[in-house]
Amino acid sequence: MPDLFTGGPREHGVVRYAHDLATAIVDACVAPETGARAESTPRFVRSLFEARPGHPLHLHFTDRLFGASTEDAATNFERIAARTPVSVTVHDVPQFSDGAANLPRRRECYRRVLAAARGVACNSAHEVCLLQELDILTAGPRPTVIPLAGNRPSGAAIDPNGFDAVAALVGFVYPGKGHLEVIDSVARRGGGLDVIALGAASVGHEADVMSLANHARSHGITFGATGYLSDVELHQRCSRAAVPIAAHQHMSASASILTWLSAGRLPLVADSRYAREMQALRPGTMTLFAAEGMDAAIATALADPASTILAVDAMTAPYFSDAAGSYLNWWAALSW
């Protein structure tokens, strides 16, 4: 049983996911009959200085968390893997939208990470396809797909007549997330609806919030970002938004969609290979729209507010408890 690395800034989505999943894994190791913990219960590692040399360790990797550059991130991961056997869940995998300057560097970074790991998990089959298409799977183990887990919907009733007049996007603000496209779509309606980002600017993209706000203002609407929200605040905002939308065209795995579901909402989601995979995994929990269909999708959501509310019997699994079981089974079969 590996130790579980949960270090890093808790407001970062990958760090938050690593912590929530680690908590579920530890819970799964408790014998329900007695409440006694199994001998192999994993240990939380909040600093890499706490890692035990030679003892297996599981990490959640994104290059932006492991170094100031993609090269530093890969080197730091390799140093960890040289001291102890590691398995890794990769996040934010490289894709063609990274552009000509960043793609080669990110591709080489992730190739080095996969080559150094004893086991690799991806959060979607789409991510495995990206790794194949970018020739990153030339070394290292074949990835295992363990879908991104979410929380169960609260089950609280949502009043479709009480929505705030906003189109809302969940998560960090950065280019390509869909904020600009949603602003333009809302502006074409001619008023009566504003756009809000339920989250903060990604590091280095603080100026983008002001740029988007200025762009929206020039089209007669308002755009703003809330900054970091607590779980309770985020849930409340999600439950009240008239148009719950995830407009990112380059998602590889999305906690944003799962946040909408946990708040009892049935979001509008930009069509993509990943979105179709999630729709198949969780049928009836999202409304897909093509790029040219955003205007119509928003209009339908406003005309029929109930269409944005998740059915009480919707199947939104896998949850964290499901993912915990999948990880335990995967680790049991790994050759450490």
C-alpha atoms as a PDB file:
ATOM      1  CA  MET A   1       0.000   0.000   0.000  1.00  0.00           C
ATOM      2  CA  PRO A   2       1.623   3.291  -1.002  1.00  0.00           C
ATOM      3  CA  ASP A   3       1.764   6.396   1.102  1.00  0.00           C
ATOM      4  CA  LEU A   4      -0.359   9.210  -0.367  1.00  0.00           C
ATOM      5  CA  PHE A   5       1.160  12.592  -1.187  1.00  0.00           C
ATOM      6  CA  THR A   6      -1.317  15.399  -0.461  1.00  0.00           C
ATOM      7  CA  GLY A   7       1.007  18.411  -0.293  1.00  0.00           C
ATOM      8  CA  GLY A   8       0.572  21.724  -2.064  1.00  0.00           C
ATOM      9  CA  PRO A   9      -1.832  24.668  -1.917  1.00  0.00           C
ATOM     10  CA  ARG A  10      -5.279  23.362  -0.957  1.00  0.00           C
ATOM     11  CA  GLU A  11      -7.043  25.871  -3.217  1.00  0.00           C
ATOM     12  CA  HIS A  12      -5.478  24.177  -6.250  1.00  0.00           C
ATOM     13  CA  GLY A  13      -7.886  21.698  -7.832  1.00  0.00           C
ATOM     14  CA  VAL A  14      -5.350  18.888  -8.202  1.00  0.00           C
ATOM     15  CA  VAL A  15      -4.194  19.214  -4.578  1.00  0.00           C
ATOM     16  CA  ARG A  16      -7.791  19.316  -3.400  1.00  0.00           C
ATOM     17  CA  TYR A  17      -8.627  16.210  -5.411  1.00  0.00           C
ATOM     18  CA  ALA A  18      -5.561  14.360  -4.096  1.00  0.00           C
ATOM     19  CA  HIS A  19      -6.602  15.144  -0.516  1.00  0.00           C
ATOM     20  CA  ASP A  20     -10.260  14.176  -0.964  1.00  0.00           C
ATOM     21  CA  LEU A  21      -9.323  10.948  -2.714  1.00  0.00           C
ATOM     22  CA  ALA A  22      -6.722  10.091  -0.075  1.00  0.00           C
ATOM     23  CA  THR A  23      -9.341  10.604   2.632  1.00  0.00           C
ATOM     24  CA  ALA A  24     -11.713   8.221   0.829  1.00  0.00           C
ATOM     25  CA  ILE A  25      -8.933   5.651   0.419  1.00  0.00           C
ATOM     26  CA  VAL A  26      -8.111   5.715   4.130  1.00  0.00           C
ATOM     27  CA  ASP A  27     -11.819   5.404   4.938  1.00  0.00           C
ATOM     28  CA  ALA A  28     -12.022   2.373   2.640  1.00  0.00           C
ATOM     29  CA  CYS A  29      -9.267   0.701   4.662  1.00  0.00           C
ATOM     30  CA  VAL A  30     -11.317   0.789   7.853  1.00  0.00           C
ATOM     31  CA  ALA A  31     -12.947  -2.529   8.701  1.00  0.00           C
ATOM     32  CA  PRO A  32     -16.659  -1.609   8.929  1.00  0.00           C
ATOM     33  CA  GLU A  33     -17.427  -4.338  11.472  1.00  0.00           C
ATOM     34  CA  THR A  34     -14.969  -3.182  14.136  1.00  0.00           C
ATOM     35  CA  GLY A  35     -13.826   0.246  13.100  1.00  0.00           C
ATOM     36  CA  ALA A  36     -10.255  -1.056  13.314  1.00  0.00           C
ATOM     37  CA  ARG A  37      -7.791   0.050  10.679  1.00  0.00           C
ATOM     38  CA  ALA A  38      -6.068  -2.496   8.489  1.00  0.00           C
ATOM     39  CA  GLU A  39      -2.293  -2.846   8.899  1.00  0.00           C
ATOM     40  CA  SER A  40      -1.825  -1.582   5.361  1.00  0.00           C
ATOM     41  CA  THR A  41      -3.729   1.663   5.825  1.00  0.00           C
ATOM     42  CA  PRO A  42      -1.829   4.296   3.806  1.00  0.00           C
ATOM     43  CA  ARG A  43      -0.158   7.278   5.388  1.00  0.00           C
ATOM     44  CA  PHE A  44      -0.730  10.899   4.331  1.00  0.00           C
ATOM     45  CA  VAL A  45       2.488  12.585   3.173  1.00  0.00           C
ATOM     46  CA  ARG A  46       2.119  16.361   3.139  1.00  0.00           C
ATOM     47  CA  SER A  47       5.767  17.106   2.383  1.00  0.00           C
ATOM     48  CA  LEU A  48       8.136  15.104   0.238  1.00  0.00           C
ATOM     49  CA  PHE A  49      10.599  15.274   3.143  1.00  0.00           C
ATOM     50  CA  GLU A  50       8.164  12.942   4.949  1.00  0.00           C
ATOM     51  CA  ALA A  51       8.379  10.286   2.211  1.00  0.00           C
ATOM     52  CA  ARG A  52       9.952   7.038   3.394  1.00  0.00           C
ATOM     53  CA  PRO A  53      12.887   5.968   1.172  1.00  0.00           C
ATOM     54  CA  GLY A  54      12.051   2.695  -0.531  1.00  0.00           C
ATOM     55  CA  HIS A  55       8.386   2.728   0.504  1.00  0.00           C
ATOM     56  CA  PRO A  56       5.832   3.092  -2.331  1.00  0.00           C
ATOM     57  CA  LEU A  57       4.368   6.561  -2.776  1.00  0.00           C
ATOM     58  CA  HIS A  58       1.452   7.795  -4.865  1.00  0.00           C
ATOM     59  CA  LEU A  59       1.438  11.309  -6.311  1.00  0.00           C
ATOM     60  CA  HIS A  60      -0.940  13.427  -8.377  1.00  0.00           C
ATOM     61  CA  PHE A  61       1.144  15.184 -11.003  1.00  0.00           C
ATOM     62  CA  THR A  62       0.666  18.354 -12.979  1.00  0.00           C
ATOM     63  CA  ASP A  63       3.729  20.177 -14.213  1.00  0.00           C
ATOM     64  CA  ARG A  64       2.561  23.495 -12.748  1.00  0.00           C
ATOM     65  CA  LEU A  65       2.741  22.091  -9.198  1.00  0.00           C
ATOM     66  CA  PHE A  66       6.083  20.307  -9.375  1.00  0.00           C
ATOM     67  CA  GLY A  67       8.397  23.013 -10.651  1.00  0.00           C
ATOM     68  CA  ALA A  68       8.856  26.539 -11.933  1.00  0.00           C
ATOM     69  CA  SER A  69       9.197  25.107 -15.444  1.00  0.00           C
ATOM     70  CA  THR A  70       8.166  21.914 -17.190  1.00  0.00           C
ATOM     71  CA  GLU A  71      11.793  20.801 -17.181  1.00  0.00           C
ATOM     72  CA  ASP A  72      12.119  21.416 -13.431  1.00  0.00           C
ATOM     73  CA  ALA A  73       8.854  19.545 -12.808  1.00  0.00           C
ATOM     74  CA  ALA A  74      10.087  16.458 -14.654  1.00  0.00           C
ATOM     75  CA  THR A  75      13.459  16.569 -12.897  1.00  0.00           C
ATOM     76  CA  ASN A  76      11.844  16.889  -9.473  1.00  0.00           C
ATOM     77  CA  PHE A  77       9.546  13.940 -10.190  1.00  0.00           C
ATOM     78  CA  GLU A  78      12.489  11.818 -11.367  1.00  0.00           C
ATOM     79  CA  ARG A  79      14.370  12.624  -8.162  1.00  0.00           C
ATOM     80  CA  ILE A  80      11.448  11.397  -6.091  1.00  0.00           C
ATOM     81  CA  ALA A  81      11.153   8.232  -8.193  1.00  0.00           C
ATOM     82  CA  ALA A  82      14.869   7.556  -7.747  1.00  0.00           C
ATOM     83  CA  ARG A  83      14.428   7.447  -3.949  1.00  0.00           C
ATOM     84  CA  THR A  84      11.230   5.419  -3.762  1.00  0.00           C
ATOM     85  CA  PRO A  85       8.886   3.503  -6.110  1.00  0.00           C
ATOM     86  CA  VAL A  86       6.068   5.802  -7.216  1.00  0.00           C
ATOM     87  CA  SER A  87       2.707   5.506  -8.883  1.00  0.00           C
ATOM     88  CA  VAL A  88       1.172   8.632 -10.349  1.00  0.00           C
ATOM     89  CA  THR A  89      -2.147  10.069 -11.432  1.00  0.00           C
ATOM     90  CA  VAL A  90      -1.481  12.546 -14.228  1.00  0.00           C
ATOM     91  CA  HIS A  91      -3.570  15.697 -14.549  1.00  0.00           C
ATOM     92  CA  ASP A  92      -3.665  18.456 -17.177  1.00  0.00           C
ATOM     93  CA  VAL A  93      -2.073  16.155 -19.745  1.00  0.00           C
ATOM     94  CA  PRO A  94      -0.500  17.792 -22.812  1.00  0.00           C
ATOM     95  CA  GLN A  95      -2.707  18.388 -25.826  1.00  0.00           C
ATOM     96  CA  PHE A  96      -2.458  20.105 -29.179  1.00  0.00           C
ATOM     97  CA  SER A  97      -4.058  23.300 -27.843  1.00  0.00           C
ATOM     98  CA  ASP A  98      -0.899  23.909 -25.753  1.00  0.00           C
ATOM     99  CA  GLY A  99       0.563  25.512 -28.877  1.00  0.00           C
ATOM    100  CA  ALA A 100       3.815  25.267 -30.792  1.00  0.00           C
ATOM    101  CA  ALA A 101       5.961  26.746 -28.009  1.00  0.00           C
ATOM    102  CA  ASN A 102       4.612  24.843 -24.989  1.00  0.00           C
ATOM    103  CA  LEU A 103       3.571  21.502 -26.448  1.00  0.00           C
ATOM    104  CA  PRO A 104       7.059  20.034 -27.086  1.00  0.00           C
ATOM    105  CA  ARG A 105       8.209  20.984 -23.595  1.00  0.00           C
ATOM    106  CA  ARG A 106       5.103  19.621 -21.863  1.00  0.00           C
ATOM    107  CA  ARG A 107       5.175  16.449 -23.985  1.00  0.00           C
ATOM    108  CA  GLU A 108       8.774  15.729 -22.960  1.00  0.00           C
ATOM    109  CA  CYS A 109       7.952  16.489 -19.317  1.00  0.00           C
ATOM    110  CA  TYR A 110       5.117  13.976 -19.191  1.00  0.00           C
ATOM    111  CA  ARG A 111       7.124  11.406 -21.143  1.00  0.00           C
ATOM    112  CA  ARG A 112       9.814  11.582 -18.454  1.00  0.00           C
ATOM    113  CA  VAL A 113       7.230  11.297 -15.669  1.00  0.00           C
ATOM    114  CA  LEU A 114       5.601   8.221 -17.179  1.00  0.00           C
ATOM    115  CA  ALA A 115       8.988   6.598 -17.773  1.00  0.00           C
ATOM    116  CA  ALA A 116       9.950   7.057 -14.106  1.00  0.00           C
ATOM    117  CA  ALA A 117       6.708   5.723 -12.598  1.00  0.00           C
ATOM    118  CA  ARG A 118       5.878   2.123 -11.635  1.00  0.00           C
ATOM    119  CA  GLY A 119       2.192   2.719 -12.398  1.00  0.00           C
ATOM    120  CA  VAL A 120       0.227   5.453 -14.180  1.00  0.00           C
ATOM    121  CA  ALA A 121      -3.447   6.373 -13.758  1.00  0.00           C
ATOM    122  CA  CYS A 122      -5.451   8.703 -15.988  1.00  0.00           C
ATOM    123  CA  ASN A 123      -8.761  10.342 -15.082  1.00  0.00           C
ATOM    124  CA  SER A 124     -10.350   9.594 -18.458  1.00  0.00           C
ATOM    125  CA  ALA A 125      -9.926   7.419 -21.529  1.00  0.00           C
ATOM    126  CA  HIS A 126      -9.662  10.683 -23.457  1.00  0.00           C
ATOM    127  CA  GLU A 127      -6.419  11.424 -21.613  1.00  0.00           C
ATOM    128  CA  VAL A 128      -4.979   8.045 -22.616  1.00  0.00           C
ATOM    129  CA  CYS A 129      -5.852   8.871 -26.226  1.00  0.00           C
ATOM    130  CA  LEU A 130      -4.045  12.207 -25.920  1.00  0.00           C
ATOM    131  CA  LEU A 131      -0.951  10.477 -24.548  1.00  0.00           C
ATOM    132  CA  GLN A 132      -1.059   8.064 -27.469  1.00  0.00           C
ATOM    133  CA  GLU A 133      -1.643  10.744 -30.089  1.00  0.00           C
ATOM    134  CA  LEU A 134       1.281  12.805 -28.777  1.00  0.00           C
ATOM    135  CA  ASP A 135       3.587   9.775 -28.637  1.00  0.00           C
ATOM    136  CA  ILE A 136       4.114  10.121 -24.877  1.00  0.00           C
ATOM    137  CA  LEU A 137       3.555   6.414 -24.165  1.00  0.00           C
ATOM    138  CA  THR A 138       6.927   5.400 -25.623  1.00  0.00           C
ATOM    139  CA  ALA A 139       8.200   4.428 -22.164  1.00  0.00           C
ATOM    140  CA  GLY A 140       6.708   3.469 -18.861  1.00  0.00           C
ATOM    141  CA  PRO A 141       3.643   1.421 -17.903  1.00  0.00           C
ATOM    142  CA  ARG A 142       0.360   1.375 -19.760  1.00  0.00           C
ATOM    143  CA  PRO A 143      -2.025   3.828 -18.042  1.00  0.00           C
ATOM    144  CA  THR A 144      -5.029   2.619 -16.074  1.00  0.00           C
ATOM    145  CA  VAL A 145      -8.215   4.673 -16.380  1.00  0.00           C
ATOM    146  CA  ILE A 146      -9.872   5.559 -13.059  1.00  0.00           C
ATOM    147  CA  PRO A 147     -12.534   8.193 -13.826  1.00  0.00           C
ATOM    148  CA  LEU A 148     -12.489  11.453 -11.943  1.00  0.00           C
ATOM    149  CA  ALA A 149     -14.701  11.064  -8.884  1.00  0.00           C
ATOM    150  CA  GLY A 150     -17.332  13.450  -7.589  1.00  0.00           C
ATOM    151  CA  ASN A 151     -19.533  13.955  -4.554  1.00  0.00           C
ATOM    152  CA  ARG A 152     -23.137  12.821  -4.319  1.00  0.00           C
ATOM    153  CA  PRO A 153     -25.737  15.517  -4.970  1.00  0.00           C
ATOM    154  CA  SER A 154     -27.117  16.938  -1.751  1.00  0.00           C
ATOM    155  CA  GLY A 155     -30.685  16.135  -2.790  1.00  0.00           C
ATOM    156  CA  ALA A 156     -31.889  19.565  -1.679  1.00  0.00           C
ATOM    157  CA  ALA A 157     -34.789  20.914  -3.735  1.00  0.00           C
ATOM    158  CA  ILE A 158     -33.919  23.672  -6.204  1.00  0.00           C
ATOM    159  CA  ASP A 159     -36.498  26.285  -7.150  1.00  0.00           C
ATOM    160  CA  PRO A 160     -36.250  27.011 -10.902  1.00  0.00           C
ATOM    161  CA  ASN A 161     -38.003  30.320 -10.303  1.00  0.00           C
ATOM    162  CA  GLY A 162     -35.338  31.617  -7.951  1.00  0.00           C
ATOM    163  CA  PHE A 163     -32.274  31.676 -10.172  1.00  0.00           C
ATOM    164  CA  ASP A 164     -29.858  34.618 -10.379  1.00  0.00           C
ATOM    165  CA  ALA A 165     -29.670  36.194 -13.846  1.00  0.00           C
ATOM    166  CA  VAL A 166     -26.156  34.958 -14.606  1.00  0.00           C
ATOM    167  CA  ALA A 167     -24.392  32.452 -16.809  1.00  0.00           C
ATOM    168  CA  ALA A 168     -21.800  30.883 -14.514  1.00  0.00           C
ATOM    169  CA  LEU A 169     -18.589  28.957 -15.127  1.00  0.00           C
ATOM    170  CA  VAL A 170     -16.843  27.039 -12.325  1.00  0.00           C
ATOM    171  CA  GLY A 171     -13.134  27.113 -11.631  1.00  0.00           C
ATOM    172  CA  PHE A 172     -10.030  29.098 -12.416  1.00  0.00           C
ATOM    173  CA  VAL A 173      -9.992  31.821 -15.059  1.00  0.00           C
ATOM    174  CA  TYR A 174      -7.431  31.336 -17.841  1.00  0.00           C
ATOM    175  CA  PRO A 175      -7.446  31.575 -21.651  1.00  0.00           C
ATOM    176  CA  GLY A 176      -9.411  28.872 -23.435  1.00  0.00           C
ATOM    177  CA  LYS A 177     -11.703  28.115 -20.487  1.00  0.00           C
ATOM    178  CA  GLY A 178     -14.695  29.486 -22.407  1.00  0.00           C
ATOM    179  CA  HIS A 179     -15.346  32.743 -20.561  1.00  0.00           C
ATOM    180  CA  LEU A 180     -14.881  34.859 -23.690  1.00  0.00           C
ATOM    181  CA  GLU A 181     -17.204  32.681 -25.767  1.00  0.00           C
ATOM    182  CA  VAL A 182     -19.906  32.759 -23.090  1.00  0.00           C
ATOM    183  CA  ILE A 183     -19.615  36.547 -22.795  1.00  0.00           C
ATOM    184  CA  ASP A 184     -20.045  36.923 -26.553  1.00  0.00           C
ATOM    185  CA  SER A 185     -22.985  34.534 -26.621  1.00  0.00           C
ATOM    186  CA  VAL A 186     -24.726  36.313 -23.743  1.00  0.00           C
ATOM    187  CA  ALA A 187     -24.058  39.693 -25.377  1.00  0.00           C
ATOM    188  CA  ARG A 188     -25.781  38.537 -28.558  1.00  0.00           C
ATOM    189  CA  ARG A 189     -28.956  38.051 -26.505  1.00  0.00           C
ATOM    190  CA  GLY A 190     -29.156  41.807 -25.989  1.00  0.00           C
ATOM    191  CA  GLY A 191     -29.027  42.060 -22.193  1.00  0.00           C
ATOM    192  CA  GLY A 192     -30.784  40.724 -19.129  1.00  0.00           C
ATOM    193  CA  LEU A 193     -28.038  38.236 -18.267  1.00  0.00           C
ATOM    194  CA  ASP A 194     -24.486  38.647 -16.959  1.00  0.00           C
ATOM    195  CA  VAL A 195     -21.520  36.260 -16.783  1.00  0.00           C
ATOM    196  CA  ILE A 196     -19.651  35.206 -13.663  1.00  0.00           C
ATOM    197  CA  ALA A 197     -16.659  32.987 -12.949  1.00  0.00           C
ATOM    198  CA  LEU A 198     -17.132  31.049  -9.727  1.00  0.00           C
ATOM    199  CA  GLY A 199     -13.467  31.038  -8.845  1.00  0.00           C
ATOM    200  CA  ALA A 200     -10.253  33.024  -9.063  1.00  0.00           C
ATOM    201  CA  ALA A 201      -7.776  33.816 -11.798  1.00  0.00           C
ATOM    202  CA  SER A 202      -5.191  31.130 -12.410  1.00  0.00           C
ATOM    203  CA  VAL A 203      -1.691  32.180 -11.337  1.00  0.00           C
ATOM    204  CA  GLY A 204      -0.259  34.507 -13.967  1.00  0.00           C
ATOM    205  CA  HIS A 205      -3.655  35.251 -15.489  1.00  0.00           C
ATOM    206  CA  GLU A 206      -4.913  37.910 -13.098  1.00  0.00           C
ATOM    207  CA  ALA A 207      -4.985  40.490 -15.896  1.00  0.00           C
ATOM    208  CA  ASP A 208      -7.317  38.247 -17.904  1.00  0.00           C
ATOM    209  CA  VAL A 209     -10.159  38.924 -15.460  1.00  0.00           C
ATOM    210  CA  MET A 210      -9.911  42.657 -16.104  1.00  0.00           C
ATOM    211  CA  SER A 211      -9.602  42.091 -19.851  1.00  0.00           C
ATOM    212  CA  LEU A 212     -12.733  39.937 -19.865  1.00  0.00           C
ATOM    213  CA  ALA A 213     -14.577  42.479 -17.718  1.00  0.00           C
ATOM    214  CA  ASN A 214     -13.663  45.264 -20.145  1.00  0.00           C
ATOM    215  CA  HIS A 215     -14.725  43.154 -23.101  1.00  0.00           C
ATOM    216  CA  ALA A 216     -18.068  42.367 -21.478  1.00  0.00           C
ATOM    217  CA  ARG A 217     -18.615  46.022 -20.571  1.00  0.00           C
ATOM    218  CA  SER A 218     -18.005  47.059 -24.169  1.00  0.00           C
ATOM    219  CA  HIS A 219     -20.867  44.727 -25.139  1.00  0.00           C
ATOM    220  CA  GLY A 220     -23.259  46.039 -22.495  1.00  0.00           C
ATOM    221  CA  ILE A 221     -23.007  43.230 -19.946  1.00  0.00           C
ATOM    222  CA  THR A 222     -21.071  42.532 -16.755  1.00  0.00           C
ATOM    223  CA  PHE A 223     -18.376  39.928 -16.120  1.00  0.00           C
ATOM    224  CA  GLY A 224     -16.729  39.238 -12.783  1.00  0.00           C
ATOM    225  CA  ALA A 225     -14.837  36.582 -10.861  1.00  0.00           C
ATOM    226  CA  THR A 226     -15.731  35.720  -7.273  1.00  0.00           C
ATOM    227  CA  GLY A 227     -12.263  34.663  -6.160  1.00  0.00           C
ATOM    228  CA  TYR A 228     -11.802  31.526  -4.070  1.00  0.00           C
ATOM    229  CA  LEU A 229     -15.066  30.206  -2.614  1.00  0.00           C
ATOM    230  CA  SER A 230     -15.586  27.818   0.268  1.00  0.00           C
ATOM    231  CA  ASP A 231     -17.451  24.592  -0.453  1.00  0.00           C
ATOM    232  CA  VAL A 232     -20.626  26.022   1.027  1.00  0.00           C
ATOM    233  CA  GLU A 233     -20.370  29.276  -0.931  1.00  0.00           C
ATOM    234  CA  LEU A 234     -19.603  27.465  -4.175  1.00  0.00           C
ATOM    235  CA  HIS A 235     -22.551  25.111  -3.705  1.00  0.00           C
ATOM    236  CA  GLN A 236     -24.889  28.030  -3.045  1.00  0.00           C
ATOM    237  CA  ARG A 237     -23.704  29.955  -6.097  1.00  0.00           C
ATOM    238  CA  CYS A 238     -24.009  26.865  -8.300  1.00  0.00           C
ATOM    239  CA  SER A 239     -27.531  26.162  -7.109  1.00  0.00           C
ATOM    240  CA  ARG A 240     -28.680  29.708  -7.969  1.00  0.00           C
ATOM    241  CA  ALA A 241     -27.124  30.381 -11.391  1.00  0.00           C
ATOM    242  CA  ALA A 242     -29.663  30.592 -14.221  1.00  0.00           C
ATOM    243  CA  VAL A 243     -27.241  29.098 -16.766  1.00  0.00           C
ATOM    244  CA  PRO A 244     -24.778  26.491 -15.434  1.00  0.00           C
ATOM    245  CA  ILE A 245     -22.204  26.071 -18.185  1.00  0.00           C
ATOM    246  CA  ALA A 246     -18.835  24.408 -18.850  1.00  0.00           C
ATOM    247  CA  ALA A 247     -17.541  25.868 -22.110  1.00  0.00           C
ATOM    248  CA  HIS A 248     -13.923  24.695 -22.129  1.00  0.00           C
ATOM    249  CA  GLN A 249     -13.142  23.176 -25.545  1.00  0.00           C
ATOM    250  CA  HIS A 250      -9.965  21.428 -24.376  1.00  0.00           C
ATOM    251  CA  MET A 251     -10.990  19.537 -21.254  1.00  0.00           C
ATOM    252  CA  SER A 252      -9.142  16.321 -20.480  1.00  0.00           C
ATOM    253  CA  ALA A 253     -10.898  15.758 -17.153  1.00  0.00           C
ATOM    254  CA  SER A 254     -13.203  18.230 -15.477  1.00  0.00           C
ATOM    255  CA  ALA A 255     -13.961  18.760 -11.825  1.00  0.00           C
ATOM    256  CA  SER A 256     -16.088  21.718 -12.944  1.00  0.00           C
ATOM    257  CA  ILE A 257     -18.744  19.439 -14.414  1.00  0.00           C
ATOM    258  CA  LEU A 258     -18.760  17.333 -11.249  1.00  0.00           C
ATOM    259  CA  THR A 259     -19.170  20.462  -9.140  1.00  0.00           C
ATOM    260  CA  TRP A 260     -22.344  21.314 -11.062  1.00  0.00           C
ATOM    261  CA  LEU A 261     -23.673  17.787 -10.536  1.00  0.00           C
ATOM    262  CA  SER A 262     -22.957  17.799  -6.797  1.00  0.00           C
ATOM    263  CA  ALA A 263     -24.956  21.045  -6.581  1.00  0.00           C
ATOM    264  CA  GLY A 264     -27.928  19.352  -8.245  1.00  0.00           C
ATOM    265  CA  ARG A 265     -27.535  21.074 -11.596  1.00  0.00           C
ATOM    266  CA  LEU A 266     -27.619  19.679 -15.129  1.00  0.00           C
ATOM    267  CA  PRO A 267     -25.036  21.863 -16.883  1.00  0.00           C
ATOM    268  CA  LEU A 268     -24.577  22.912 -20.493  1.00  0.00           C
ATOM    269  CA  VAL A 269     -21.272  21.390 -21.652  1.00  0.00           C
ATOM    270  CA  ALA A 270     -19.286  22.125 -24.804  1.00  0.00           C
ATOM    271  CA  ASP A 271     -19.193  19.015 -26.988  1.00  0.00           C
ATOM    272  CA  SER A 272     -15.856  17.193 -27.094  1.00  0.00           C
ATOM    273  CA  ARG A 273     -14.476  13.672 -26.956  1.00  0.00           C
ATOM    274  CA  TYR A 274     -14.121  14.003 -23.193  1.00  0.00           C
ATOM    275  CA  ALA A 275     -17.640  15.418 -22.742  1.00  0.00           C
ATOM    276  CA  ARG A 276     -19.110  12.509 -24.699  1.00  0.00           C
ATOM    277  CA  GLU A 277     -17.165  10.074 -22.506  1.00  0.00           C
ATOM    278  CA  MET A 278     -18.591  11.718 -19.388  1.00  0.00           C
ATOM    279  CA  GLN A 279     -22.101  11.722 -20.834  1.00  0.00           C
ATOM    280  CA  ALA A 280     -21.806   7.972 -21.439  1.00  0.00           C
ATOM    281  CA  LEU A 281     -20.454   7.429 -17.913  1.00  0.00           C
ATOM    282  CA  ARG A 282     -23.162   9.579 -16.278  1.00  0.00           C
ATOM    283  CA  PRO A 283     -26.180   9.479 -18.644  1.00  0.00           C
ATOM    284  CA  GLY A 284     -28.694  12.289 -18.440  1.00  0.00           C
ATOM    285  CA  THR A 285     -26.515  14.567 -16.341  1.00  0.00           C
ATOM    286  CA  MET A 286     -25.459  17.172 -18.909  1.00  0.00           C
ATOM    287  CA  THR A 287     -26.627  18.890 -22.084  1.00  0.00           C
ATOM    288  CA  LEU A 288     -23.968  18.909 -24.798  1.00  0.00           C
ATOM    289  CA  PHE A 289     -23.843  21.724 -27.322  1.00  0.00           C
ATOM    290  CA  ALA A 290     -21.697  22.293 -30.398  1.00  0.00           C
ATOM    291  CA  ALA A 291     -19.610  25.460 -30.643  1.00  0.00           C
ATOM    292  CA  GLU A 292     -22.137  27.067 -32.959  1.00  0.00           C
ATOM    293  CA  GLY A 293     -24.997  25.957 -30.718  1.00  0.00           C
ATOM    294  CA  MET A 294     -24.115  27.894 -27.558  1.00  0.00           C
ATOM    295  CA  ASP A 295     -26.627  30.673 -28.219  1.00  0.00           C
ATOM    296  CA  ALA A 296     -29.473  28.186 -28.628  1.00  0.00           C
ATOM    297  CA  ALA A 297     -28.398  26.170 -25.576  1.00  0.00           C
ATOM    298  CA  ILE A 298     -28.387  29.257 -23.356  1.00  0.00           C
ATOM    299  CA  ALA A 299     -31.752  30.371 -24.766  1.00  0.00           C
ATOM    300  CA  THR A 300     -33.262  26.966 -23.988  1.00  0.00           C
ATOM    301  CA  ALA A 301     -31.885  27.010 -20.433  1.00  0.00           C
ATOM    302  CA  LEU A 302     -33.460  30.405 -19.836  1.00  0.00           C
ATOM    303  CA  ALA A 303     -36.783  29.457 -21.423  1.00  0.00           C
ATOM    304  CA  ASP A 304     -36.957  26.190 -19.477  1.00  0.00           C
ATOM    305  CA  PRO A 305     -35.121  26.648 -16.146  1.00  0.00           C
ATOM    306  CA  ALA A 306     -36.160  23.182 -14.970  1.00  0.00           C
ATOM    307  CA  SER A 307     -34.029  21.706 -17.758  1.00  0.00           C
ATOM    308  CA  THR A 308     -30.933  22.782 -15.803  1.00  0.00           C
ATOM    309  CA  ILE A 309     -31.920  20.899 -12.647  1.00  0.00           C
ATOM    310  CA  LEU A 310     -30.606  17.384 -12.156  1.00  0.00           C
ATOM    311  CA  ALA A 311     -33.210  14.646 -11.825  1.00  0.00           C
ATOM    312  CA  VAL A 312     -33.396  13.226  -8.314  1.00  0.00           C
ATOM    313  CA  ASP A 313     -32.692   9.727  -9.620  1.00  0.00           C
ATOM    314  CA  ALA A 314     -29.797  10.723 -11.904  1.00  0.00           C
ATOM    315  CA  MET A 315     -26.783   8.414 -11.664  1.00  0.00           C
ATOM    316  CA  THR A 316     -23.795  10.651 -10.933  1.00  0.00           C
ATOM    317  CA  ALA A 317     -21.311   7.964  -9.834  1.00  0.00           C
ATOM    318  CA  PRO A 318     -18.455   7.177  -9.658  1.00  0.00           C
ATOM    319  CA  TYR A 319     -18.030   8.858  -6.295  1.00  0.00           C
ATOM    320  CA  PHE A 320     -14.881   9.094  -4.179  1.00  0.00           C
ATOM    321  CA  SER A 321     -15.694   5.812  -2.450  1.00  0.00           C
ATOM    322  CA  ASP A 322     -15.856   4.114  -5.867  1.00  0.00           C
ATOM    323  CA  ALA A 323     -12.540   5.629  -6.940  1.00  0.00           C
ATOM    324  CA  ALA A 324     -10.956   4.560  -3.656  1.00  0.00           C
ATOM    325  CA  GLY A 325     -11.847   0.932  -4.346  1.00  0.00           C
ATOM    326  CA  SER A 326     -10.467   1.195  -7.881  1.00  0.00           C
ATOM    327  CA  TYR A 327      -7.149   2.564  -6.621  1.00  0.00           C
ATOM    328  CA  LEU A 328      -6.835  -0.140  -3.960  1.00  0.00           C
ATOM    329  CA  ASN A 329      -7.407  -2.865  -6.562  1.00  0.00           C
ATOM    330  CA  TRP A 330      -4.949  -1.222  -8.969  1.00  0.00           C
ATOM    331  CA  TRP A 331      -2.179  -0.915  -6.387  1.00  0.00           C
ATOM    332  CA  ALA A 332      -2.676  -4.532  -5.323  1.00  0.00           C
ATOM    333  CA  ALA A 333      -1.834  -5.623  -8.869  1.00  0.00           C
ATOM    334  CA  LEU A 334       1.176  -3.317  -9.361  1.00  0.00           C
ATOM    335  CA  SER A 335       4.723  -4.646  -9.464  1.00  0.00           C
ATOM    336  CA  TRP A 336       6.344  -2.203  -7.064  1.00  0.00           C
END
